[in-house]
Amino acid sequence: MNQQTLLLIKPNAVMHKHAGNIISIIETKAFLLRDIKVMQFTPEAAAAFYQEHLGKEFYDRLIKFMCSGTTIALLLEKANAVADLRELVGDTDPAKRKPGTIRHLYAEGITENAVHASDSPEHAQREIRLIFGSPQYPKLSH
């Protein structure tokens, strides 16, 4: 059974023109691209999206970074999508990134790590609703 997940191509990766390469990597790993959205986070939308990080030392820096430029959101689907995408994306910690992962190839640090991938099926559902909209969760304005 297929599962859906969300990938955000963050402002630094968009600015450095890595979005096409990132999408190509994802497509070679058998993910189906179900929807795509080009957007710019507002501070309110970024705060809603990253609410689980509220109070952490990096929170304000993350919100500012996510509002700094264009983000590309991808709604992806395949069997085991959440876990497979997390593995493909790689670790947020530069010292732990495996060669060939998206973050190994395109991240510039811990916050400027090129992409966001949902970390659980529950978070994927919530994040997809926030970005692409549903009756229960109206989409974030951009």
C-alpha atoms as a PDB file:
ATOM      1  CA  MET A   1       0.000   0.000   0.000  1.00  0.00           C
ATOM      2  CA  ASN A   2       1.314   3.424  -0.914  1.00  0.00           C
ATOM      3  CA  GLN A   3       1.955   6.112   1.666  1.00  0.00           C
ATOM      4  CA  GLN A   4       2.216   9.869   1.190  1.00  0.00           C
ATOM      5  CA  THR A   5       4.879  12.155   2.573  1.00  0.00           C
ATOM      6  CA  LEU A   6       6.061  15.736   2.213  1.00  0.00           C
ATOM      7  CA  LEU A   7       9.363  17.148   1.086  1.00  0.00           C
ATOM      8  CA  LEU A   8      10.202  20.841   1.282  1.00  0.00           C
ATOM      9  CA  ILE A   9      13.070  22.130  -0.817  1.00  0.00           C
ATOM     10  CA  LYS A  10      14.284  24.925   1.420  1.00  0.00           C
ATOM     11  CA  PRO A  11      15.198  28.491   0.375  1.00  0.00           C
ATOM     12  CA  ASN A  12      18.962  27.889   0.185  1.00  0.00           C
ATOM     13  CA  ALA A  13      18.578  24.919  -2.179  1.00  0.00           C
ATOM     14  CA  VAL A  14      16.120  26.862  -4.353  1.00  0.00           C
ATOM     15  CA  MET A  15      18.397  29.923  -4.415  1.00  0.00           C
ATOM     16  CA  HIS A  16      21.394  27.809  -5.482  1.00  0.00           C
ATOM     17  CA  LYS A  17      19.292  26.131  -8.219  1.00  0.00           C
ATOM     18  CA  HIS A  18      19.409  22.615  -6.738  1.00  0.00           C
ATOM     19  CA  ALA A  19      15.634  21.996  -6.908  1.00  0.00           C
ATOM     20  CA  GLY A  20      15.762  20.177 -10.258  1.00  0.00           C
ATOM     21  CA  ASN A  21      18.578  17.915  -9.099  1.00  0.00           C
ATOM     22  CA  ILE A  22      16.743  17.116  -5.862  1.00  0.00           C
ATOM     23  CA  ILE A  23      13.546  16.260  -7.740  1.00  0.00           C
ATOM     24  CA  SER A  24      15.549  14.050 -10.127  1.00  0.00           C
ATOM     25  CA  ILE A  25      17.089  12.148  -7.203  1.00  0.00           C
ATOM     26  CA  ILE A  26      13.632  11.581  -5.730  1.00  0.00           C
ATOM     27  CA  GLU A  27      12.227  10.368  -9.039  1.00  0.00           C
ATOM     28  CA  THR A  28      15.069   7.865  -9.485  1.00  0.00           C
ATOM     29  CA  LYS A  29      14.067   6.316  -6.144  1.00  0.00           C
ATOM     30  CA  ALA A  30      10.546   5.505  -7.416  1.00  0.00           C
ATOM     31  CA  PHE A  31       8.663   8.261  -5.583  1.00  0.00           C
ATOM     32  CA  LEU A  32       5.558   9.450  -7.406  1.00  0.00           C
ATOM     33  CA  LEU A  33       5.179  13.227  -7.534  1.00  0.00           C
ATOM     34  CA  ARG A  34       1.502  13.840  -6.688  1.00  0.00           C
ATOM     35  CA  ASP A  35       1.563  17.632  -6.248  1.00  0.00           C
ATOM     36  CA  ILE A  36       4.028  20.498  -6.261  1.00  0.00           C
ATOM     37  CA  LYS A  37       3.725  24.016  -4.890  1.00  0.00           C
ATOM     38  CA  VAL A  38       6.059  26.993  -5.084  1.00  0.00           C
ATOM     39  CA  MET A  39       5.572  29.181  -2.035  1.00  0.00           C
ATOM     40  CA  GLN A  40       7.072  31.677   0.385  1.00  0.00           C
ATOM     41  CA  PHE A  41       6.494  31.096   4.097  1.00  0.00           C
ATOM     42  CA  THR A  42       5.183  33.948   6.200  1.00  0.00           C
ATOM     43  CA  PRO A  43       6.368  34.041   9.835  1.00  0.00           C
ATOM     44  CA  GLU A  44       2.905  32.842  10.929  1.00  0.00           C
ATOM     45  CA  ALA A  45       2.853  29.961   8.449  1.00  0.00           C
ATOM     46  CA  ALA A  46       6.393  28.890   9.360  1.00  0.00           C
ATOM     47  CA  ALA A  47       5.483  28.999  13.068  1.00  0.00           C
ATOM     48  CA  ALA A  48       2.433  26.794  12.434  1.00  0.00           C
ATOM     49  CA  PHE A  49       4.459  24.353  10.353  1.00  0.00           C
ATOM     50  CA  TYR A  50       7.342  24.069  12.841  1.00  0.00           C
ATOM     51  CA  GLN A  51       5.261  24.287  16.035  1.00  0.00           C
ATOM     52  CA  GLU A  52       6.906  21.174  17.537  1.00  0.00           C
ATOM     53  CA  HIS A  53      10.223  23.067  17.680  1.00  0.00           C
ATOM     54  CA  LEU A  54       8.828  26.040  19.630  1.00  0.00           C
ATOM     55  CA  GLY A  55      11.128  26.776  22.575  1.00  0.00           C
ATOM     56  CA  LYS A  56      14.186  25.050  21.106  1.00  0.00           C
ATOM     57  CA  GLU A  57      17.356  27.110  20.755  1.00  0.00           C
ATOM     58  CA  PHE A  58      17.281  27.021  16.940  1.00  0.00           C
ATOM     59  CA  TYR A  59      13.582  27.878  16.543  1.00  0.00           C
ATOM     60  CA  ASP A  60      13.869  31.617  15.779  1.00  0.00           C
ATOM     61  CA  ARG A  61      16.745  31.016  13.355  1.00  0.00           C
ATOM     62  CA  LEU A  62      14.729  28.293  11.592  1.00  0.00           C
ATOM     63  CA  ILE A  63      11.639  30.504  11.208  1.00  0.00           C
ATOM     64  CA  LYS A  64      13.714  33.396   9.850  1.00  0.00           C
ATOM     65  CA  PHE A  65      15.511  31.093   7.408  1.00  0.00           C
ATOM     66  CA  MET A  66      12.308  29.474   6.144  1.00  0.00           C
ATOM     67  CA  CYS A  67      10.860  32.940   5.431  1.00  0.00           C
ATOM     68  CA  SER A  68      14.013  34.126   3.632  1.00  0.00           C
ATOM     69  CA  GLY A  69      13.079  32.949   0.144  1.00  0.00           C
ATOM     70  CA  THR A  70      11.175  30.561  -2.066  1.00  0.00           C
ATOM     71  CA  THR A  71      10.333  27.036  -0.867  1.00  0.00           C
ATOM     72  CA  ILE A  72       9.160  24.236  -3.131  1.00  0.00           C
ATOM     73  CA  ALA A  73       6.788  21.708  -1.544  1.00  0.00           C
ATOM     74  CA  LEU A  74       6.422  18.218  -2.995  1.00  0.00           C
ATOM     75  CA  LEU A  75       3.670  15.762  -2.154  1.00  0.00           C
ATOM     76  CA  LEU A  76       5.250  12.353  -2.724  1.00  0.00           C
ATOM     77  CA  GLU A  77       3.897   8.828  -2.728  1.00  0.00           C
ATOM     78  CA  LYS A  78       5.245   5.264  -2.680  1.00  0.00           C
ATOM     79  CA  ALA A  79       5.275   2.246  -0.391  1.00  0.00           C
ATOM     80  CA  ASN A  80       7.153   3.129   2.837  1.00  0.00           C
ATOM     81  CA  ALA A  81       7.434   6.740   1.652  1.00  0.00           C
ATOM     82  CA  VAL A  82       8.172   8.389   5.008  1.00  0.00           C
ATOM     83  CA  ALA A  83      11.053   6.106   6.020  1.00  0.00           C
ATOM     84  CA  ASP A  84      12.475   5.852   2.501  1.00  0.00           C
ATOM     85  CA  LEU A  85      12.495   9.627   2.051  1.00  0.00           C
ATOM     86  CA  ARG A  86      14.096  10.189   5.460  1.00  0.00           C
ATOM     87  CA  GLU A  87      16.886   7.792   4.498  1.00  0.00           C
ATOM     88  CA  LEU A  88      17.347   9.491   1.114  1.00  0.00           C
ATOM     89  CA  VAL A  89      17.407  12.950   2.694  1.00  0.00           C
ATOM     90  CA  GLY A  90      20.069  12.105   5.293  1.00  0.00           C
ATOM     91  CA  ASP A  91      20.906  13.431   8.724  1.00  0.00           C
ATOM     92  CA  THR A  92      20.631  17.059   9.832  1.00  0.00           C
ATOM     93  CA  ASP A  93      24.043  16.704  11.530  1.00  0.00           C
ATOM     94  CA  PRO A  94      26.766  17.289   8.912  1.00  0.00           C
ATOM     95  CA  ALA A  95      29.097  14.815  10.662  1.00  0.00           C
ATOM     96  CA  LYS A  96      26.507  12.031  10.297  1.00  0.00           C
ATOM     97  CA  ARG A  97      25.465  12.583   6.662  1.00  0.00           C
ATOM     98  CA  LYS A  98      26.027   9.597   4.428  1.00  0.00           C
ATOM     99  CA  PRO A  99      27.519  10.199   0.968  1.00  0.00           C
ATOM    100  CA  GLY A 100      24.875  10.375  -1.740  1.00  0.00           C
ATOM    101  CA  THR A 101      22.113  11.696   0.523  1.00  0.00           C
ATOM    102  CA  ILE A 102      20.414  14.930  -0.478  1.00  0.00           C
ATOM    103  CA  ARG A 103      21.770  16.773   2.538  1.00  0.00           C
ATOM    104  CA  HIS A 104      25.282  15.452   1.938  1.00  0.00           C
ATOM    105  CA  LEU A 105      25.087  16.844  -1.594  1.00  0.00           C
ATOM    106  CA  TYR A 106      23.290  20.156  -1.006  1.00  0.00           C
ATOM    107  CA  ALA A 107      23.107  21.189   2.679  1.00  0.00           C
ATOM    108  CA  GLU A 108      25.091  24.160   3.919  1.00  0.00           C
ATOM    109  CA  GLY A 109      24.733  23.547   7.649  1.00  0.00           C
ATOM    110  CA  ILE A 110      22.286  22.295  10.230  1.00  0.00           C
ATOM    111  CA  THR A 111      19.500  24.831   9.608  1.00  0.00           C
ATOM    112  CA  GLU A 112      20.359  25.473   5.944  1.00  0.00           C
ATOM    113  CA  ASN A 113      20.107  21.742   5.275  1.00  0.00           C
ATOM    114  CA  ALA A 114      18.477  21.978   1.811  1.00  0.00           C
ATOM    115  CA  VAL A 115      15.310  19.986   2.558  1.00  0.00           C
ATOM    116  CA  HIS A 116      12.683  19.049   5.121  1.00  0.00           C
ATOM    117  CA  ALA A 117      11.121  15.583   5.112  1.00  0.00           C
ATOM    118  CA  SER A 118       8.238  14.471   7.320  1.00  0.00           C
ATOM    119  CA  ASP A 119       9.520  12.278  10.159  1.00  0.00           C
ATOM    120  CA  SER A 120       6.426  10.130  10.756  1.00  0.00           C
ATOM    121  CA  PRO A 121       3.216   9.198   8.946  1.00  0.00           C
ATOM    122  CA  GLU A 122       1.250  11.350  11.421  1.00  0.00           C
ATOM    123  CA  HIS A 123       3.458  14.397  10.838  1.00  0.00           C
ATOM    124  CA  ALA A 124       3.285  13.791   7.090  1.00  0.00           C
ATOM    125  CA  GLN A 125      -0.517  13.941   7.154  1.00  0.00           C
ATOM    126  CA  ARG A 126      -0.506  17.144   9.201  1.00  0.00           C
ATOM    127  CA  GLU A 127       2.190  18.812   7.079  1.00  0.00           C
ATOM    128  CA  ILE A 128       0.529  17.841   3.800  1.00  0.00           C
ATOM    129  CA  ARG A 129      -2.746  19.340   5.028  1.00  0.00           C
ATOM    130  CA  LEU A 130      -0.983  22.550   6.092  1.00  0.00           C
ATOM    131  CA  ILE A 131       0.761  23.018   2.755  1.00  0.00           C
ATOM    132  CA  PHE A 132      -1.762  21.609   0.268  1.00  0.00           C
ATOM    133  CA  GLY A 133      -4.962  22.199   2.257  1.00  0.00           C
ATOM    134  CA  SER A 134      -7.929  20.164   3.420  1.00  0.00           C
ATOM    135  CA  PRO A 135     -11.268  20.944   5.054  1.00  0.00           C
ATOM    136  CA  GLN A 136      -9.780  20.203   8.499  1.00  0.00           C
ATOM    137  CA  TYR A 137      -6.551  22.185   8.003  1.00  0.00           C
ATOM    138  CA  PRO A 138      -6.830  25.129   5.659  1.00  0.00           C
ATOM    139  CA  LYS A 139      -3.639  25.567   3.659  1.00  0.00           C
ATOM    140  CA  LEU A 140      -1.060  28.076   4.816  1.00  0.00           C
ATOM    141  CA  SER A 141      -1.111  31.392   3.004  1.00  0.00           C
ATOM    142  CA  HIS A 142       2.021  32.274   1.134  1.00  0.00           C
END
